[in-house]
Amino acid sequence: MNLVGSIRADVSKRPFALVAGLAILAAACSNVPTASTIDYGTGNRFVVTVADTLDNVGLASSVAVDGNGLPFVSYFGFPGAVKASAIPVPRPIGTPFLPGVLLATVDAQGVWTQGAIEQNKPVVVPNGAPVPFGPVTTENFSLSQDDSNGTAVAVASDGTVHAAWTTANGVSYGTTKAGGSATVTQVYSYGTAVSLAGPMSAPGIALDANGNPWVAFTVLGPLGFEVHAASLQGSKWTDQIVVNGPACTSCPEPGPTGIGFLHGNPVVVFGDSANHEVDAATLQGGNWVVDPVETKTDGLGLSVATVGNTLYASYYTGHGTVDVAKLDDHAPTIQEVGNATNPDPDATGNDAPRTAVTAKSDGTVYAAWDNGDSGVTFVSGTQSFAPIPLGPSAATSAHPALAASDSGVYLSWYDTANQDLFVGVQGDVQNLIVANPQPSFVPSFGPSGNATCGKTGKILLSVVAQSLTFQPTCMVAAADKPFTITMDNKDSGTQHDVSLYPSADKLTPNDALLYSLGDPNPPGPSTVTYKSDALPAGTYYFQCDYHPTTMNGTFAVVTGAK
């Protein structure tokens, strides 16, 4: 290894924990794109990864876990907007064709695979590079942000993925599995294409004891609204109208509709805006029995999850809070889980705010919701609820979805600024290793950036690590003189380090100019110093090897800096 200098932490040595470098694989078995493989160490924490980043991807996500506790995320993908003077980023061979209903998962080694269930047919279809999950390729696929309305996903015990989504024509269903080919059918036809989403709600999906999918959704027509529950037996869909509601000219268009199973019976949960209540309809002896869950609320942004013998439903109350209802053998119990910006009742389709809910087998409830300009709020608790910080992308996060396994809780969301799909896991990340794509192919250096860092000639060698970010994102050292970096780690229970590289493009140990050798870097709150030999003048790159996508910046070595 050719090192110009070395950094020594004033703690004992540790192995270098990062294997990095962007890799775009263009082969039949490709997992595109992959990037830094990050060892997050151990301990209970929230770890964020970028699961998909090419073009405009991640809107209306839904997440489910398989029998091994690994997540599958369904979401919409659209071509990214390109400025007139810009050149679009080419999509590597083996990635889905857009627009599409996309599907991503991560394996036990932390490598993300991005594929699709249904995708648009391009002018030229490459040979010899199939898209993962064998999507159905549809010519002139009718899918856009304005006339689509949510995805829903469930995973069977044999790894078969079941998904539902709403488009301009109705509600569709698709199924596939790793290494297989997808099939797509229409569950419900609205009868005419709609130009703006809203008359058909975002769907919910659940599997019965035999593994058969059930899809729930609400349709608003001139005569009122209809709540549907459609089930697939063999190759035939049976669509049942659960509830008919009266016309309501002042009511908001239907919010998401959820479905789950309690003691083998399907339960459909929906917001009844005409009567201002959240209701649950249970199939009993061939009849749907409707019971109120909570009154004096329209139940907008509703989400449903079934854990054991309990069904959980989250929704906006319209009174500045989010509630979670628990349904089991007794009367529903309601918990307020946090304050929320009241959703705009006129927002429809993918523009409408969402909530999300799940729980672990020990009864701990996890909830998330769109919270106005502050982005997604994520909380957990039993009797009282505490926030879980999302990190730097929180302010631009939207459309949360949740799923839980014994190994952790997965939260997916859409980054509205970069139009990326984010997935975070909350849990004891014992030896968790995750392949973490960068949000873009050009690393962001933050507000201080590559252009201005070091221009003042003032030495700056102290950095604060807090909320998975570095402040500042520019550090400055004098050329040809030894220096010491001080890191103040304010993230309680979380490890950070400062690793210095020649550039953002040279991140592997063999390319590294400098890297930290602490064993280990102690979790916060802590203060660590790193001592280095002299470096020649130039512009370098620094990052935290534990959290490189959110903690990085420019390191300027300046002649005459004081």
Protein backbone atom coordinates (compact mmCIF):
# COMPACT_ATOMS: atom_id res chain seq x y z
CA MET A 1 0.00 0.00 0.00
CA ASN A 2 1.47 3.33 -1.04
CA LEU A 3 0.61 5.76 1.72
CA VAL A 4 1.66 9.37 1.72
CA GLY A 5 0.80 9.58 5.39
CA SER A 6 -1.04 7.71 8.09
CA ILE A 7 -3.63 8.58 10.70
CA ARG A 8 -3.30 7.11 14.15
CA ALA A 9 -6.22 7.21 16.55
CA ASP A 10 -5.36 7.74 20.19
CA VAL A 11 -7.16 4.47 20.93
CA SER A 12 -6.13 0.87 20.28
CA LYS A 13 -6.03 -0.46 16.72
CA ARG A 14 -8.97 -1.96 14.85
CA PRO A 15 -9.21 -3.66 11.43
CA PHE A 16 -10.18 -1.47 8.51
CA ALA A 17 -13.94 -1.98 8.29
CA LEU A 18 -14.90 -0.72 4.84
CA VAL A 19 -14.65 -2.24 1.41
CA ALA A 20 -15.76 0.52 -0.95
CA GLY A 21 -15.95 1.58 -4.57
CA LEU A 22 -18.90 1.95 -6.88
CA ALA A 23 -19.61 -1.13 -9.01
CA ILE A 24 -22.16 -1.18 -11.84
CA LEU A 25 -22.71 -4.79 -12.89
CA ALA A 26 -24.11 -5.41 -16.36
CA ALA A 27 -24.76 -9.12 -16.47
CA ALA A 28 -27.68 -11.50 -16.31
CA CYS A 29 -27.18 -11.99 -12.59
CA SER A 30 -26.40 -8.34 -11.92
CA ASN A 31 -27.49 -6.49 -8.81
CA VAL A 32 -27.45 -2.91 -10.05
CA PRO A 33 -26.15 -0.67 -8.66
CA THR A 34 -24.13 -1.76 -5.67
CA ALA A 35 -21.64 0.30 -3.75
CA SER A 36 -19.88 0.57 -0.41
CA THR A 37 -20.14 -2.56 1.71
CA ILE A 38 -20.34 -1.18 5.22
CA ASP A 39 -19.83 -3.04 8.47
CA TYR A 40 -21.98 -1.15 10.97
CA GLY A 41 -20.63 -3.07 13.93
CA THR A 42 -22.94 -3.99 16.78
CA GLY A 43 -25.55 -2.40 19.00
CA ASN A 44 -29.15 -1.22 18.88
CA ARG A 45 -29.40 1.61 16.34
CA PHE A 46 -31.11 2.85 13.20
CA VAL A 47 -29.04 2.19 10.08
CA VAL A 48 -29.97 3.90 6.81
CA THR A 49 -29.14 2.71 3.29
CA VAL A 50 -30.01 3.96 -0.18
CA ALA A 51 -31.75 1.00 -1.80
CA ASP A 52 -32.28 2.48 -5.27
CA THR A 53 -31.11 5.74 -6.79
CA LEU A 54 -31.29 5.71 -10.61
CA ASP A 55 -33.85 8.16 -12.06
CA ASN A 56 -36.99 8.91 -10.01
CA VAL A 57 -37.51 5.85 -7.82
CA GLY A 58 -39.06 5.04 -4.46
CA LEU A 59 -42.45 6.75 -4.57
CA ALA A 60 -45.36 4.95 -2.82
CA SER A 61 -43.20 2.20 -1.34
CA SER A 62 -44.42 -0.76 0.68
CA VAL A 63 -42.18 -3.16 2.59
CA ALA A 64 -42.59 -6.77 3.77
CA VAL A 65 -40.16 -9.31 5.21
CA ASP A 66 -39.63 -12.91 4.13
CA GLY A 67 -39.12 -15.97 6.31
CA ASN A 68 -35.45 -15.08 6.76
CA GLY A 69 -36.29 -11.59 8.00
CA LEU A 70 -35.04 -9.87 4.84
CA PRO A 71 -37.03 -7.00 3.33
CA PHE A 72 -38.78 -6.81 -0.05
CA VAL A 73 -39.81 -3.31 -1.12
CA SER A 74 -42.31 -2.50 -3.88
CA TYR A 75 -42.35 1.04 -5.28
CA PHE A 76 -42.92 3.09 -8.42
CA GLY A 77 -40.12 4.12 -10.75
CA PHE A 78 -40.33 6.92 -13.33
CA PRO A 79 -37.80 8.41 -15.75
CA GLY A 80 -35.89 11.19 -14.05
CA ALA A 81 -36.39 14.75 -15.24
CA VAL A 82 -33.43 16.02 -17.26
CA LYS A 83 -32.61 19.68 -17.78
CA ALA A 84 -32.34 20.87 -21.37
CA SER A 85 -28.55 21.30 -21.10
CA ALA A 86 -27.93 18.06 -19.18
CA ILE A 87 -27.19 14.54 -20.36
CA PRO A 88 -29.37 11.85 -18.75
CA VAL A 89 -27.59 9.24 -16.63
CA PRO A 90 -27.71 6.00 -18.65
CA ARG A 91 -29.46 3.06 -17.02
CA PRO A 92 -27.10 0.08 -16.87
CA ILE A 93 -28.07 -3.08 -18.71
CA GLY A 94 -30.05 -5.33 -16.39
CA THR A 95 -31.95 -2.55 -14.63
CA PRO A 96 -35.73 -2.18 -15.04
CA PHE A 97 -37.23 -0.18 -17.88
CA LEU A 98 -39.18 2.87 -16.72
CA PRO A 99 -41.88 3.60 -15.86
CA GLY A 100 -42.36 0.47 -13.83
CA VAL A 101 -43.63 -1.17 -10.67
CA LEU A 102 -40.28 -1.94 -9.09
CA LEU A 103 -39.16 -4.49 -6.52
CA ALA A 104 -35.96 -4.46 -4.47
CA THR A 105 -34.53 -6.77 -1.85
CA VAL A 106 -31.28 -7.24 0.05
CA ASP A 107 -29.57 -10.57 0.72
CA ALA A 108 -27.84 -11.78 3.87
CA GLN A 109 -24.54 -10.35 2.58
CA GLY A 110 -26.10 -6.89 2.30
CA VAL A 111 -26.24 -6.72 -1.51
CA TRP A 112 -29.28 -4.97 -2.97
CA THR A 113 -31.06 -6.35 -6.03
CA GLN A 114 -33.31 -3.95 -7.94
CA GLY A 115 -35.84 -5.47 -10.35
CA ALA A 116 -39.47 -5.05 -11.33
CA ILE A 117 -42.85 -6.75 -11.48
CA GLU A 118 -44.16 -4.79 -14.47
CA GLN A 119 -42.19 -2.40 -16.67
CA ASN A 120 -42.47 -0.34 -19.82
CA LYS A 121 -41.22 -1.80 -23.10
CA PRO A 122 -38.35 0.31 -24.50
CA VAL A 123 -37.69 0.88 -28.17
CA VAL A 124 -34.81 -1.60 -28.02
CA VAL A 125 -34.77 -4.51 -25.58
CA PRO A 126 -31.20 -5.69 -24.78
CA ASN A 127 -30.52 -9.40 -25.20
CA GLY A 128 -28.84 -11.57 -22.61
CA ALA A 129 -29.38 -9.30 -19.59
CA PRO A 130 -32.73 -10.07 -17.96
CA VAL A 131 -34.14 -7.76 -15.32
CA PRO A 132 -34.33 -9.37 -11.84
CA PHE A 133 -37.69 -10.94 -10.87
CA GLY A 134 -38.61 -11.46 -14.55
CA PRO A 135 -41.02 -8.54 -14.91
CA VAL A 136 -43.89 -8.40 -17.37
CA THR A 137 -42.89 -5.94 -20.11
CA THR A 138 -45.85 -3.88 -21.32
CA GLU A 139 -45.82 -1.69 -24.39
CA ASN A 140 -46.82 1.91 -23.56
CA PHE A 141 -47.22 1.02 -19.89
CA SER A 142 -49.79 3.45 -18.50
CA LEU A 143 -48.11 4.62 -15.32
CA SER A 144 -47.33 8.14 -14.16
CA GLN A 145 -47.02 9.96 -10.87
CA ASP A 146 -50.32 11.77 -11.30
CA ASP A 147 -52.58 8.81 -12.06
CA SER A 148 -51.06 6.13 -9.79
CA ASN A 149 -51.88 5.63 -6.14
CA GLY A 150 -49.72 3.43 -3.97
CA THR A 151 -48.23 -0.06 -3.91
CA ALA A 152 -48.66 -2.89 -1.41
CA VAL A 153 -46.51 -6.01 -0.96
CA ALA A 154 -46.61 -9.30 0.95
CA VAL A 155 -44.17 -12.23 0.92
CA ALA A 156 -45.27 -15.86 1.31
CA SER A 157 -43.37 -18.44 3.35
CA ASP A 158 -41.87 -19.93 0.15
CA GLY A 159 -40.45 -16.55 -0.93
CA THR A 160 -43.19 -15.76 -3.46
CA VAL A 161 -43.81 -12.02 -3.65
CA HIS A 162 -47.36 -10.70 -4.03
CA ALA A 163 -47.96 -7.03 -4.86
CA ALA A 164 -50.87 -4.74 -5.70
CA TRP A 165 -50.96 -1.22 -7.08
CA THR A 166 -53.41 1.36 -8.40
CA THR A 167 -53.06 2.97 -11.83
CA ALA A 168 -55.20 5.03 -14.20
CA ASN A 169 -57.26 2.02 -15.26
CA GLY A 170 -57.86 0.23 -11.98
CA VAL A 171 -56.17 -2.00 -9.42
CA SER A 172 -53.57 -4.53 -10.55
CA TYR A 173 -51.87 -7.52 -8.94
CA GLY A 174 -48.54 -9.14 -9.72
CA THR A 175 -46.57 -12.04 -8.33
CA THR A 176 -42.99 -13.22 -8.77
CA LYS A 177 -40.03 -14.60 -6.85
CA ALA A 178 -36.26 -14.46 -7.02
CA GLY A 179 -35.09 -16.19 -10.19
CA GLY A 180 -38.64 -16.47 -11.49
CA SER A 181 -40.92 -14.72 -13.94
CA ALA A 182 -43.71 -12.33 -12.97
CA THR A 183 -47.36 -12.52 -13.88
CA VAL A 184 -49.72 -9.56 -13.75
CA THR A 185 -53.54 -9.51 -13.71
CA GLN A 186 -56.13 -6.80 -13.22
CA VAL A 187 -58.10 -7.10 -10.02
CA TYR A 188 -60.52 -4.27 -10.71
CA SER A 189 -61.27 -2.07 -13.72
CA TYR A 190 -62.61 1.41 -13.09
CA GLY A 191 -64.25 1.38 -16.51
CA THR A 192 -62.39 4.42 -17.77
CA ALA A 193 -58.90 5.83 -17.34
CA VAL A 194 -58.49 8.64 -14.83
CA SER A 195 -56.08 11.52 -15.35
CA LEU A 196 -55.60 12.20 -11.64
CA ALA A 197 -55.43 9.59 -8.91
CA GLY A 198 -58.04 9.72 -6.20
CA PRO A 199 -61.22 7.87 -7.21
CA MET A 200 -59.42 4.59 -6.43
CA SER A 201 -57.54 4.33 -3.17
CA ALA A 202 -54.09 2.96 -2.52
CA PRO A 203 -54.55 -0.80 -2.01
CA GLY A 204 -53.79 -3.12 0.85
CA ILE A 205 -52.70 -6.75 0.48
CA ALA A 206 -52.56 -9.78 2.78
CA LEU A 207 -52.24 -13.57 2.44
CA ASP A 208 -54.68 -16.04 3.96
CA ALA A 209 -53.67 -19.26 5.72
CA ASN A 210 -53.38 -21.05 2.36
CA GLY A 211 -51.17 -18.34 0.87
CA ASN A 212 -53.91 -16.88 -1.31
CA PRO A 213 -53.72 -13.09 -1.82
CA TRP A 214 -56.50 -10.71 -0.80
CA VAL A 215 -56.49 -7.13 -2.05
CA ALA A 216 -58.57 -4.35 -0.45
CA PHE A 217 -59.30 -0.93 -1.94
CA THR A 218 -61.94 1.78 -1.96
CA VAL A 219 -63.58 3.26 -5.04
CA LEU A 220 -65.35 6.61 -5.19
CA GLY A 221 -68.09 6.97 -7.79
CA PRO A 222 -70.96 9.37 -8.49
CA LEU A 223 -73.29 7.38 -6.24
CA GLY A 224 -70.92 7.11 -3.31
CA PHE A 225 -67.99 4.96 -2.27
CA GLU A 226 -67.48 1.21 -2.32
CA VAL A 227 -65.02 -0.74 -0.18
CA HIS A 228 -63.81 -3.86 -2.00
CA ALA A 229 -62.08 -7.07 -0.93
CA ALA A 230 -60.89 -9.22 -3.83
CA SER A 231 -59.42 -12.70 -3.34
CA LEU A 232 -57.56 -14.95 -5.75
CA GLN A 233 -58.57 -18.62 -5.66
CA GLY A 234 -56.61 -20.53 -8.28
CA SER A 235 -56.60 -18.27 -11.35
CA LYS A 236 -59.85 -16.41 -10.69
CA TRP A 237 -60.38 -13.21 -8.76
CA THR A 238 -63.55 -12.88 -6.68
CA ASP A 239 -64.37 -9.25 -5.92
CA GLN A 240 -66.70 -8.58 -2.99
CA ILE A 241 -68.17 -5.20 -2.09
CA VAL A 242 -67.67 -4.94 1.64
CA VAL A 243 -69.46 -1.64 2.25
CA ASN A 244 -71.51 0.78 0.16
CA GLY A 245 -71.37 4.39 1.30
CA PRO A 246 -73.55 7.34 0.26
CA ALA A 247 -72.39 10.13 -2.02
CA CYS A 248 -70.64 12.96 -0.20
CA THR A 249 -69.71 15.99 -2.25
CA SER A 250 -67.70 17.57 0.58
CA CYS A 251 -65.80 14.40 1.55
CA PRO A 252 -62.15 13.83 0.66
CA GLU A 253 -61.38 11.14 -1.87
CA PRO A 254 -60.68 7.74 -0.29
CA GLY A 255 -57.46 7.20 1.58
CA PRO A 256 -55.48 3.93 1.62
CA THR A 257 -57.46 0.80 2.51
CA GLY A 258 -55.88 -1.91 4.65
CA ILE A 259 -56.48 -5.64 5.06
CA GLY A 260 -55.24 -8.31 7.44
CA PHE A 261 -56.30 -11.61 8.98
CA LEU A 262 -57.43 -12.30 12.55
CA HIS A 263 -58.09 -15.92 13.51
CA GLY A 264 -58.29 -16.82 9.84
CA ASN A 265 -60.89 -14.18 8.96
CA PRO A 266 -60.14 -11.24 6.62
CA VAL A 267 -60.52 -7.81 8.21
CA VAL A 268 -60.72 -4.70 6.01
CA VAL A 269 -59.97 -1.36 7.70
CA PHE A 270 -60.96 1.88 5.99
CA GLY A 271 -61.79 5.51 6.60
CA ASP A 272 -65.45 6.45 6.25
CA SER A 273 -65.26 10.19 5.58
CA ALA A 274 -69.03 10.55 5.23
CA ASN A 275 -69.55 9.41 8.84
CA HIS A 276 -66.14 10.68 10.04
CA GLU A 277 -64.94 7.39 11.47
CA VAL A 278 -62.51 4.55 10.94
CA ASP A 279 -64.27 1.21 10.48
CA ALA A 280 -63.29 -2.45 10.40
CA ALA A 281 -65.25 -4.97 8.32
CA THR A 282 -64.81 -8.68 9.19
CA LEU A 283 -66.00 -11.57 7.04
CA GLN A 284 -68.09 -13.79 9.32
CA GLY A 285 -70.14 -16.69 7.94
CA GLY A 286 -70.22 -15.25 4.45
CA ASN A 287 -71.29 -11.76 5.59
CA TRP A 288 -69.23 -8.65 6.21
CA VAL A 289 -69.81 -7.28 9.70
CA VAL A 290 -68.78 -3.63 10.12
CA ASP A 291 -67.72 -2.21 13.49
CA PRO A 292 -66.41 1.28 14.27
CA VAL A 293 -62.76 1.53 15.31
CA GLU A 294 -62.62 5.24 16.14
CA THR A 295 -65.15 8.02 15.59
CA LYS A 296 -64.69 11.72 14.86
CA THR A 297 -61.85 11.07 12.41
CA ASP A 298 -61.69 10.53 8.65
CA GLY A 299 -58.80 8.08 9.00
CA LEU A 300 -56.67 9.59 6.25
CA GLY A 301 -53.28 8.07 5.41
CA LEU A 302 -54.31 4.72 6.87
CA SER A 303 -51.97 1.74 7.17
CA VAL A 304 -52.55 -1.78 8.49
CA ALA A 305 -50.28 -4.56 9.79
CA THR A 306 -51.08 -7.90 11.41
CA VAL A 307 -48.65 -9.30 14.00
CA GLY A 308 -49.66 -12.56 15.67
CA ASN A 309 -53.25 -12.26 16.83
CA THR A 310 -53.34 -8.47 16.72
CA LEU A 311 -54.15 -6.16 13.83
CA TYR A 312 -52.68 -2.64 14.02
CA ALA A 313 -54.02 0.35 12.10
CA SER A 314 -52.45 3.82 12.00
CA TYR A 315 -54.05 7.00 10.65
CA TYR A 316 -54.28 10.75 11.00
CA THR A 317 -56.99 11.86 13.39
CA GLY A 318 -57.37 15.28 11.75
CA HIS A 319 -56.87 16.81 15.21
CA GLY A 320 -53.10 17.22 15.02
CA THR A 321 -52.16 13.68 16.01
CA VAL A 322 -51.62 10.16 14.67
CA ASP A 323 -53.42 7.27 16.38
CA VAL A 324 -52.74 3.55 16.35
CA ALA A 325 -55.67 1.19 16.88
CA LYS A 326 -55.18 -2.38 18.09
CA LEU A 327 -57.78 -4.96 17.09
CA ASP A 328 -57.89 -8.45 18.62
CA ASP A 329 -60.53 -10.46 20.49
CA HIS A 330 -61.64 -7.42 22.45
CA ALA A 331 -62.90 -3.97 21.65
CA PRO A 332 -60.36 -1.83 19.78
CA THR A 333 -57.85 0.06 21.90
CA ILE A 334 -56.59 3.42 20.66
CA GLN A 335 -53.21 5.01 21.37
CA GLU A 336 -52.01 8.45 20.38
CA VAL A 337 -48.45 7.97 19.11
CA GLY A 338 -47.45 11.52 18.23
CA ASN A 339 -48.29 14.97 16.96
CA ALA A 340 -48.76 15.45 13.24
CA THR A 341 -49.43 18.19 10.75
CA ASN A 342 -53.03 17.69 9.64
CA PRO A 343 -53.06 16.30 6.09
CA ASP A 344 -54.61 18.29 3.29
CA PRO A 345 -57.94 16.52 2.64
CA ASP A 346 -57.78 17.62 -1.00
CA ALA A 347 -54.41 15.92 -1.60
CA THR A 348 -54.95 12.77 -3.66
CA GLY A 349 -53.01 9.81 -4.96
CA ASN A 350 -49.28 9.84 -4.40
CA ASP A 351 -49.47 13.45 -3.19
CA ALA A 352 -51.53 12.44 -0.14
CA PRO A 353 -49.64 12.03 3.17
CA ARG A 354 -49.30 8.50 4.55
CA THR A 355 -48.85 6.79 7.88
CA ALA A 356 -47.23 3.41 8.54
CA VAL A 357 -47.38 0.93 11.42
CA THR A 358 -45.93 -2.39 12.51
CA ALA A 359 -45.06 -4.15 15.76
CA LYS A 360 -42.65 -6.74 17.09
CA SER A 361 -43.69 -9.93 18.86
CA ASP A 362 -42.86 -8.35 22.24
CA GLY A 363 -45.63 -5.76 21.71
CA THR A 364 -43.40 -2.81 20.85
CA VAL A 365 -45.24 -0.66 18.30
CA TYR A 366 -43.47 1.28 15.54
CA ALA A 367 -45.23 4.05 13.63
CA ALA A 368 -44.21 6.60 11.02
CA TRP A 369 -45.98 9.38 9.16
CA ASP A 370 -45.55 12.28 6.78
CA ASN A 371 -45.28 15.32 9.04
CA GLY A 372 -45.51 18.39 6.80
CA ASP A 373 -42.32 20.31 6.10
CA SER A 374 -40.32 18.29 8.65
CA GLY A 375 -40.58 15.10 6.58
CA VAL A 376 -41.19 11.67 8.07
CA THR A 377 -41.55 11.18 11.83
CA PHE A 378 -40.61 7.73 13.16
CA VAL A 379 -41.47 6.59 16.71
CA SER A 380 -41.55 3.43 18.83
CA GLY A 381 -42.95 2.45 22.19
CA THR A 382 -45.60 0.60 24.16
CA GLN A 383 -47.41 2.97 26.51
CA SER A 384 -45.44 6.06 25.49
CA PHE A 385 -43.58 6.72 22.26
CA ALA A 386 -40.11 8.08 21.60
CA PRO A 387 -38.79 9.43 18.29
CA ILE A 388 -36.15 7.60 16.24
CA PRO A 389 -34.08 10.09 14.19
CA LEU A 390 -33.84 9.37 10.47
CA GLY A 391 -30.67 11.38 9.96
CA PRO A 392 -29.87 14.07 7.39
CA SER A 393 -32.50 13.02 4.83
CA ALA A 394 -35.40 13.43 7.29
CA ALA A 395 -36.50 16.84 6.00
CA THR A 396 -36.95 15.55 2.44
CA SER A 397 -38.42 12.15 3.37
CA ALA A 398 -41.98 11.14 2.46
CA HIS A 399 -44.29 8.14 2.07
CA PRO A 400 -43.08 5.88 4.90
CA ALA A 401 -43.75 2.12 5.02
CA LEU A 402 -42.92 -0.34 7.80
CA ALA A 403 -42.43 -4.07 8.37
CA ALA A 404 -40.95 -6.04 11.26
CA SER A 405 -39.17 -9.32 11.88
CA ASP A 406 -37.42 -10.77 14.91
CA SER A 407 -34.14 -9.37 13.59
CA GLY A 408 -35.28 -5.78 13.15
CA VAL A 409 -37.80 -3.24 11.93
CA TYR A 410 -37.54 -1.94 8.36
CA LEU A 411 -38.65 1.55 7.37
CA SER A 412 -38.71 2.59 3.72
CA TRP A 413 -39.34 6.09 2.41
CA TYR A 414 -39.01 8.31 -0.65
CA ASP A 415 -36.39 11.07 -0.69
CA THR A 416 -38.18 13.92 -2.47
CA ALA A 417 -34.98 15.93 -3.05
CA ASN A 418 -32.90 13.23 -4.75
CA GLN A 419 -35.86 11.05 -5.83
CA ASP A 420 -34.31 7.97 -4.23
CA LEU A 421 -35.58 4.98 -2.27
CA PHE A 422 -34.25 4.85 1.30
CA VAL A 423 -34.49 1.85 3.62
CA GLY A 424 -33.50 1.89 7.27
CA VAL A 425 -33.36 -0.94 9.80
CA GLN A 426 -33.88 -0.45 13.53
CA GLY A 427 -32.52 -3.18 15.78
CA ASP A 428 -29.48 -4.82 17.30
CA VAL A 429 -27.26 -4.69 14.23
CA GLN A 430 -24.96 -7.49 15.36
CA ASN A 431 -22.37 -7.76 12.61
CA LEU A 432 -24.75 -6.15 10.13
CA ILE A 433 -23.09 -5.57 6.76
CA VAL A 434 -25.00 -3.60 4.16
CA ALA A 435 -24.18 -2.71 0.56
CA ASN A 436 -25.09 0.94 0.51
CA PRO A 437 -25.49 2.71 -2.87
CA GLN A 438 -24.62 6.39 -2.83
CA PRO A 439 -27.58 8.77 -3.32
CA SER A 440 -25.93 9.86 -6.58
CA PHE A 441 -22.86 8.97 -8.58
CA VAL A 442 -21.23 12.27 -7.60
CA PRO A 443 -20.71 12.49 -3.83
CA SER A 444 -22.16 15.57 -2.19
CA PHE A 445 -19.73 17.69 -0.21
CA GLY A 446 -22.38 19.70 1.60
CA PRO A 447 -22.73 23.47 1.66
CA SER A 448 -19.00 24.19 2.08
CA GLY A 449 -18.28 21.96 -0.92
CA ASN A 450 -15.25 21.31 -3.07
CA ALA A 451 -15.25 24.77 -4.65
CA THR A 452 -14.78 26.90 -1.50
CA CYS A 453 -13.14 24.56 1.01
CA GLY A 454 -9.73 25.93 2.08
CA LYS A 455 -10.03 29.25 0.27
CA THR A 456 -9.73 31.27 3.48
CA GLY A 457 -6.40 29.61 4.39
CA LYS A 458 -7.58 29.10 7.98
CA ILE A 459 -6.75 25.77 9.62
CA LEU A 460 -9.86 23.83 10.67
CA LEU A 461 -9.24 20.36 12.09
CA SER A 462 -12.19 19.79 14.43
CA VAL A 463 -15.37 18.01 13.35
CA VAL A 464 -18.60 17.18 15.20
CA ALA A 465 -20.42 13.91 14.45
CA GLN A 466 -24.11 14.19 15.29
CA SER A 467 -27.31 12.69 13.87
CA LEU A 468 -25.24 10.75 11.31
CA THR A 469 -23.76 13.93 9.84
CA PHE A 470 -20.45 15.78 10.02
CA GLN A 471 -20.27 19.47 10.84
CA PRO A 472 -18.46 21.11 9.18
CA THR A 473 -18.12 19.26 5.87
CA CYS A 474 -14.86 21.10 5.13
CA MET A 475 -11.61 20.61 7.04
CA VAL A 476 -8.33 22.41 6.35
CA ALA A 477 -4.72 21.53 7.23
CA ALA A 478 -1.40 23.22 6.46
CA ALA A 479 0.65 21.61 3.70
CA ASP A 480 3.86 19.72 4.57
CA LYS A 481 3.21 19.80 8.32
CA PRO A 482 1.92 17.05 10.66
CA PHE A 483 -1.58 17.66 11.94
CA THR A 484 -4.16 16.28 14.38
CA ILE A 485 -7.91 15.88 13.70
CA THR A 486 -10.33 15.97 16.64
CA MET A 487 -13.73 14.30 16.30
CA ASP A 488 -16.45 15.05 18.86
CA ASN A 489 -18.92 12.15 18.56
CA LYS A 490 -22.26 13.27 20.04
CA ASP A 491 -24.29 10.26 18.79
CA SER A 492 -24.93 8.20 21.88
CA GLY A 493 -24.16 4.50 21.38
CA THR A 494 -23.02 4.98 17.76
CA GLN A 495 -19.52 4.51 16.38
CA HIS A 496 -18.01 7.03 13.95
CA ASP A 497 -14.52 7.59 12.58
CA VAL A 498 -12.68 9.99 10.27
CA SER A 499 -11.06 8.34 7.26
CA LEU A 500 -9.13 10.34 4.69
CA TYR A 501 -8.80 9.41 1.02
CA PRO A 502 -7.22 10.94 -2.09
CA SER A 503 -10.66 11.54 -3.63
CA ALA A 504 -14.26 10.35 -3.56
CA ASP A 505 -13.44 8.00 -6.43
CA LYS A 506 -10.64 6.21 -4.55
CA LEU A 507 -12.15 4.67 -1.47
CA THR A 508 -10.65 1.20 -1.16
CA PRO A 509 -7.90 0.47 1.39
CA ASN A 510 -5.33 0.08 -1.40
CA ASP A 511 -6.16 3.52 -2.73
CA ALA A 512 -6.48 5.24 0.63
CA LEU A 513 -3.98 7.91 1.58
CA LEU A 514 -5.07 7.86 5.19
CA TYR A 515 -7.46 5.86 7.31
CA SER A 516 -8.26 5.54 10.98
CA LEU A 517 -6.87 2.61 12.94
CA GLY A 518 -8.83 2.76 16.19
CA ASP A 519 -9.81 -0.56 17.78
CA PRO A 520 -12.56 0.26 18.17
CA ASN A 521 -13.59 3.84 17.66
CA PRO A 522 -15.61 4.21 20.85
CA PRO A 523 -19.34 4.86 20.58
CA GLY A 524 -20.54 8.31 21.49
CA PRO A 525 -20.52 10.43 23.41
CA SER A 526 -16.75 10.44 22.99
CA THR A 527 -13.86 12.52 21.68
CA VAL A 528 -11.14 10.94 19.52
CA THR A 529 -8.00 12.47 18.01
CA TYR A 530 -6.28 11.25 14.88
CA LYS A 531 -2.62 12.18 14.26
CA SER A 532 -1.19 12.36 10.76
CA ASP A 533 2.17 12.90 9.12
CA ALA A 534 2.59 15.81 6.72
CA LEU A 535 0.68 15.83 3.42
CA PRO A 536 1.41 17.75 0.23
CA ALA A 537 -0.93 20.54 -0.82
CA GLY A 538 -4.07 19.30 -2.53
CA THR A 539 -7.76 18.53 -2.17
CA TYR A 540 -8.69 15.24 -0.51
CA TYR A 541 -11.88 13.53 0.70
CA PHE A 542 -12.92 12.45 4.19
CA GLN A 543 -15.76 10.28 5.42
CA CYS A 544 -17.00 8.15 8.28
CA ASP A 545 -16.41 4.55 7.22
CA TYR A 546 -19.45 3.48 9.21
CA HIS A 547 -21.83 5.95 7.51
CA PRO A 548 -20.15 7.14 4.31
CA THR A 549 -23.27 8.19 2.40
CA THR A 550 -24.33 10.76 4.98
CA MET A 551 -21.03 11.63 6.67
CA ASN A 552 -18.43 12.95 4.24
CA GLY A 553 -16.75 16.13 3.10
CA THR A 554 -13.74 17.87 1.57
CA PHE A 555 -10.29 17.89 3.19
CA ALA A 556 -8.13 20.73 1.86
CA VAL A 557 -4.37 20.77 2.48
CA VAL A 558 -3.28 24.36 1.82
CA THR A 559 0.18 25.89 1.53
CA GLY A 560 0.63 28.56 4.20
CA ALA A 561 -2.62 27.77 6.03
CA LYS A 562 -2.63 29.12 9.61
